[in-house]
Amino acid sequence: MGSLCSSCFGGNGGESSNLMPSPVSQETRRRQQLEAAERRREENERRGVKNLDSVRRQQQRSEEMGRREEEAARTGGGSPTLKWQTS
């Protein structure tokens, strides 16, 4: 019974080194952590969004509207371009 437990705790000499993960270089570890962080960021961006393309189109539309409003404000001086005439 003792030999059964000793194999779990490295009692069989050099065989226990196979159970421990091999040391990884710092550069490899940093790269893996960066990749994992990027995956988490992308997953968080997609969370709750069923159609990612429609969200991107909506963002592009809103940016375009913002640009048009800024351009209209610069060229028109803030005054409306339509004038009402009443008689």
N, C-alpha and C. Protein backbone atom coordinates (compact mmCIF):
# COMPACT_ATOMS: atom_id res chain seq x y z
N MET A 1 0.82 -1.18 0.00
CA MET A 1 0.00 0.00 0.00
C MET A 1 0.87 1.25 0.00
N GLY A 2 2.00 1.16 0.63
CA GLY A 2 2.90 2.30 0.66
C GLY A 2 3.49 2.61 -0.69
N SER A 3 3.69 1.58 -1.52
CA SER A 3 4.27 1.82 -2.85
C SER A 3 3.27 2.53 -3.76
N LEU A 4 2.00 2.32 -3.52
CA LEU A 4 0.98 2.98 -4.33
C LEU A 4 1.03 4.49 -4.11
N CYS A 5 1.11 4.92 -2.87
CA CYS A 5 1.16 6.35 -2.56
C CYS A 5 2.51 6.96 -2.89
N SER A 6 3.57 6.18 -2.76
CA SER A 6 4.89 6.74 -3.02
C SER A 6 5.07 7.06 -4.50
N SER A 7 4.35 6.35 -5.39
CA SER A 7 4.47 6.67 -6.80
C SER A 7 3.83 8.03 -7.12
N CYS A 8 2.81 8.39 -6.35
CA CYS A 8 2.18 9.70 -6.56
C CYS A 8 3.06 10.84 -6.10
N PHE A 9 3.87 10.61 -5.11
CA PHE A 9 4.68 11.67 -4.52
C PHE A 9 6.14 11.58 -4.91
N GLY A 10 6.46 10.87 -5.96
CA GLY A 10 7.83 10.84 -6.44
C GLY A 10 8.71 9.85 -5.72
N GLY A 11 8.19 8.80 -5.21
CA GLY A 11 8.99 7.82 -4.49
C GLY A 11 9.74 6.88 -5.40
N ASN A 12 9.52 6.93 -6.71
CA ASN A 12 10.17 6.00 -7.63
C ASN A 12 11.36 6.61 -8.34
N GLY A 13 12.03 7.49 -7.72
CA GLY A 13 13.25 8.04 -8.31
C GLY A 13 12.98 9.11 -9.34
N GLY A 14 13.51 8.94 -10.56
CA GLY A 14 13.44 9.96 -11.61
C GLY A 14 12.11 10.03 -12.34
N GLU A 15 11.20 9.11 -12.07
CA GLU A 15 9.93 9.11 -12.79
C GLU A 15 9.05 10.30 -12.43
N SER A 16 9.25 10.88 -11.27
CA SER A 16 8.41 12.00 -10.86
C SER A 16 8.67 13.25 -11.69
N SER A 17 9.83 13.33 -12.33
CA SER A 17 10.12 14.52 -13.13
C SER A 17 9.21 14.59 -14.35
N ASN A 18 8.65 13.46 -14.80
CA ASN A 18 7.72 13.48 -15.92
C ASN A 18 6.39 14.10 -15.53
N LEU A 19 6.06 14.10 -14.25
CA LEU A 19 4.79 14.65 -13.81
C LEU A 19 4.84 16.17 -13.72
N MET A 20 5.99 16.73 -13.49
CA MET A 20 6.14 18.18 -13.34
C MET A 20 6.29 18.81 -14.73
N PRO A 21 5.65 19.96 -14.97
CA PRO A 21 5.79 20.61 -16.26
C PRO A 21 7.22 21.12 -16.45
N SER A 22 7.70 21.07 -17.67
CA SER A 22 9.05 21.55 -17.94
C SER A 22 9.06 23.07 -17.88
N PRO A 23 10.17 23.63 -17.43
CA PRO A 23 10.23 25.09 -17.36
C PRO A 23 10.16 25.70 -18.75
N VAL A 24 9.41 26.79 -18.87
CA VAL A 24 9.20 27.46 -20.14
C VAL A 24 9.97 28.78 -20.11
N SER A 25 10.57 29.13 -21.22
CA SER A 25 11.33 30.38 -21.25
C SER A 25 10.39 31.56 -21.00
N GLN A 26 10.95 32.63 -20.51
CA GLN A 26 10.13 33.81 -20.19
C GLN A 26 9.50 34.40 -21.45
N GLU A 27 10.23 34.39 -22.56
CA GLU A 27 9.68 34.94 -23.80
C GLU A 27 8.49 34.13 -24.28
N THR A 28 8.57 32.80 -24.18
CA THR A 28 7.46 31.95 -24.58
C THR A 28 6.26 32.18 -23.67
N ARG A 29 6.53 32.29 -22.38
CA ARG A 29 5.45 32.53 -21.42
C ARG A 29 4.77 33.87 -21.67
N ARG A 30 5.54 34.92 -21.96
CA ARG A 30 4.97 36.23 -22.27
C ARG A 30 4.11 36.18 -23.52
N ARG A 31 4.59 35.48 -24.54
CA ARG A 31 3.84 35.37 -25.79
C ARG A 31 2.52 34.64 -25.55
N GLN A 32 2.56 33.56 -24.76
CA GLN A 32 1.34 32.82 -24.46
C GLN A 32 0.36 33.68 -23.67
N GLN A 33 0.86 34.44 -22.72
CA GLN A 33 -0.02 35.30 -21.93
C GLN A 33 -0.62 36.40 -22.80
N LEU A 34 0.16 36.93 -23.73
CA LEU A 34 -0.35 37.96 -24.64
C LEU A 34 -1.44 37.40 -25.54
N GLU A 35 -1.22 36.18 -26.06
CA GLU A 35 -2.23 35.55 -26.90
C GLU A 35 -3.51 35.28 -26.12
N ALA A 36 -3.39 34.82 -24.88
CA ALA A 36 -4.56 34.55 -24.05
C ALA A 36 -5.31 35.84 -23.74
N ALA A 37 -4.58 36.91 -23.46
CA ALA A 37 -5.23 38.19 -23.18
C ALA A 37 -5.97 38.70 -24.41
N GLU A 38 -5.39 38.52 -25.59
CA GLU A 38 -6.04 38.94 -26.83
C GLU A 38 -7.31 38.14 -27.07
N ARG A 39 -7.26 36.83 -26.82
CA ARG A 39 -8.45 36.00 -26.98
C ARG A 39 -9.56 36.43 -26.02
N ARG A 40 -9.20 36.71 -24.78
CA ARG A 40 -10.20 37.17 -23.80
C ARG A 40 -10.81 38.50 -24.22
N ARG A 41 -9.99 39.41 -24.75
CA ARG A 41 -10.49 40.71 -25.18
C ARG A 41 -11.48 40.54 -26.33
N GLU A 42 -11.13 39.69 -27.30
CA GLU A 42 -12.03 39.47 -28.43
C GLU A 42 -13.33 38.80 -27.98
N GLU A 43 -13.24 37.86 -27.05
CA GLU A 43 -14.45 37.20 -26.55
C GLU A 43 -15.35 38.20 -25.83
N ASN A 44 -14.75 39.09 -25.05
CA ASN A 44 -15.54 40.09 -24.34
C ASN A 44 -16.20 41.06 -25.31
N GLU A 45 -15.52 41.39 -26.41
CA GLU A 45 -16.13 42.29 -27.40
C GLU A 45 -17.33 41.64 -28.06
N ARG A 46 -17.25 40.33 -28.31
CA ARG A 46 -18.32 39.62 -29.00
C ARG A 46 -19.44 39.19 -28.07
N ARG A 47 -19.24 39.26 -26.78
CA ARG A 47 -20.24 38.78 -25.84
C ARG A 47 -21.54 39.58 -26.00
N GLY A 48 -22.62 38.87 -26.21
CA GLY A 48 -23.93 39.50 -26.33
C GLY A 48 -24.24 40.01 -27.72
N VAL A 49 -23.29 39.96 -28.63
CA VAL A 49 -23.51 40.43 -29.99
C VAL A 49 -23.72 39.22 -30.88
N LYS A 50 -24.88 39.15 -31.51
CA LYS A 50 -25.17 38.00 -32.36
C LYS A 50 -24.66 38.21 -33.77
N ASN A 51 -24.75 39.43 -34.28
CA ASN A 51 -24.31 39.70 -35.64
C ASN A 51 -23.26 40.80 -35.59
N LEU A 52 -22.01 40.39 -35.61
CA LEU A 52 -20.90 41.32 -35.47
C LEU A 52 -20.81 42.27 -36.66
N ASP A 53 -21.16 41.79 -37.86
CA ASP A 53 -21.11 42.64 -39.05
C ASP A 53 -22.10 43.80 -38.95
N SER A 54 -23.29 43.54 -38.46
CA SER A 54 -24.27 44.63 -38.34
C SER A 54 -23.82 45.67 -37.33
N VAL A 55 -23.16 45.25 -36.28
CA VAL A 55 -22.64 46.19 -35.29
C VAL A 55 -21.56 47.06 -35.92
N ARG A 56 -20.70 46.46 -36.71
CA ARG A 56 -19.65 47.24 -37.39
C ARG A 56 -20.26 48.24 -38.38
N ARG A 57 -21.27 47.81 -39.12
CA ARG A 57 -21.93 48.73 -40.06
C ARG A 57 -22.57 49.89 -39.31
N GLN A 58 -23.20 49.61 -38.19
CA GLN A 58 -23.83 50.66 -37.40
C GLN A 58 -22.78 51.64 -36.88
N GLN A 59 -21.64 51.13 -36.44
CA GLN A 59 -20.57 52.01 -35.97
C GLN A 59 -20.05 52.88 -37.11
N GLN A 60 -19.89 52.31 -38.30
CA GLN A 60 -19.44 53.09 -39.44
C GLN A 60 -20.45 54.17 -39.80
N ARG A 61 -21.74 53.83 -39.75
CA ARG A 61 -22.77 54.83 -40.04
C ARG A 61 -22.73 55.98 -39.04
N SER A 62 -22.59 55.65 -37.77
CA SER A 62 -22.57 56.71 -36.75
C SER A 62 -21.32 57.58 -36.90
N GLU A 63 -20.18 56.98 -37.25
CA GLU A 63 -18.97 57.77 -37.48
C GLU A 63 -19.15 58.69 -38.68
N GLU A 64 -19.76 58.17 -39.74
CA GLU A 64 -20.00 58.98 -40.94
C GLU A 64 -20.94 60.14 -40.62
N MET A 65 -21.98 59.89 -39.86
CA MET A 65 -22.91 60.97 -39.46
C MET A 65 -22.17 62.02 -38.64
N GLY A 66 -21.31 61.59 -37.75
CA GLY A 66 -20.53 62.54 -36.95
C GLY A 66 -19.63 63.39 -37.82
N ARG A 67 -18.99 62.77 -38.80
CA ARG A 67 -18.13 63.53 -39.71
C ARG A 67 -18.94 64.53 -40.52
N ARG A 68 -20.11 64.10 -40.99
CA ARG A 68 -20.96 65.02 -41.77
C ARG A 68 -21.42 66.20 -40.92
N GLU A 69 -21.78 65.92 -39.67
CA GLU A 69 -22.21 67.01 -38.79
C GLU A 69 -21.08 67.99 -38.52
N GLU A 70 -19.87 67.47 -38.32
CA GLU A 70 -18.72 68.34 -38.09
C GLU A 70 -18.43 69.19 -39.33
N GLU A 71 -18.51 68.56 -40.49
CA GLU A 71 -18.26 69.28 -41.74
C GLU A 71 -19.31 70.36 -41.96
N ALA A 72 -20.57 70.04 -41.68
CA ALA A 72 -21.64 71.02 -41.84
C ALA A 72 -21.46 72.18 -40.87
N ALA A 73 -21.00 71.89 -39.67
CA ALA A 73 -20.78 72.94 -38.68
C ALA A 73 -19.64 73.85 -39.12
N ARG A 74 -18.60 73.27 -39.72
CA ARG A 74 -17.47 74.08 -40.17
C ARG A 74 -17.83 74.95 -41.38
N THR A 75 -18.50 74.37 -42.34
CA THR A 75 -18.79 75.12 -43.57
C THR A 75 -19.97 76.06 -43.40
N GLY A 76 -20.96 75.68 -42.63
CA GLY A 76 -22.16 76.50 -42.48
C GLY A 76 -22.05 77.50 -41.35
N GLY A 77 -21.06 77.41 -40.55
CA GLY A 77 -20.92 78.34 -39.44
C GLY A 77 -21.97 78.12 -38.37
N GLY A 78 -22.62 76.99 -38.38
CA GLY A 78 -23.62 76.69 -37.38
C GLY A 78 -25.00 77.18 -37.73
N SER A 79 -25.14 77.94 -38.83
CA SER A 79 -26.46 78.42 -39.22
C SER A 79 -27.14 77.38 -40.10
N PRO A 80 -28.44 77.29 -40.05
CA PRO A 80 -29.13 76.30 -40.88
C PRO A 80 -29.04 76.68 -42.36
N THR A 81 -29.03 75.69 -43.20
CA THR A 81 -28.90 75.94 -44.64
C THR A 81 -30.26 76.20 -45.28
N LEU A 82 -31.36 75.79 -44.65
CA LEU A 82 -32.68 76.02 -45.18
C LEU A 82 -33.29 77.29 -44.59
N LYS A 83 -33.94 78.05 -45.43
CA LYS A 83 -34.58 79.29 -44.95
C LYS A 83 -36.06 79.20 -45.26
N TRP A 84 -36.85 79.58 -44.30
CA TRP A 84 -38.32 79.55 -44.47
C TRP A 84 -38.78 80.94 -44.87
N GLN A 85 -39.65 80.97 -45.84
CA GLN A 85 -40.24 82.25 -46.26
C GLN A 85 -41.72 82.21 -45.98
N THR A 86 -42.19 83.22 -45.35
CA THR A 86 -43.63 83.32 -45.10
C THR A 86 -44.12 84.62 -45.73
N SER A 87 -45.30 84.61 -46.23
CA SER A 87 -45.82 85.82 -46.84
C SER A 87 -47.05 86.34 -46.13
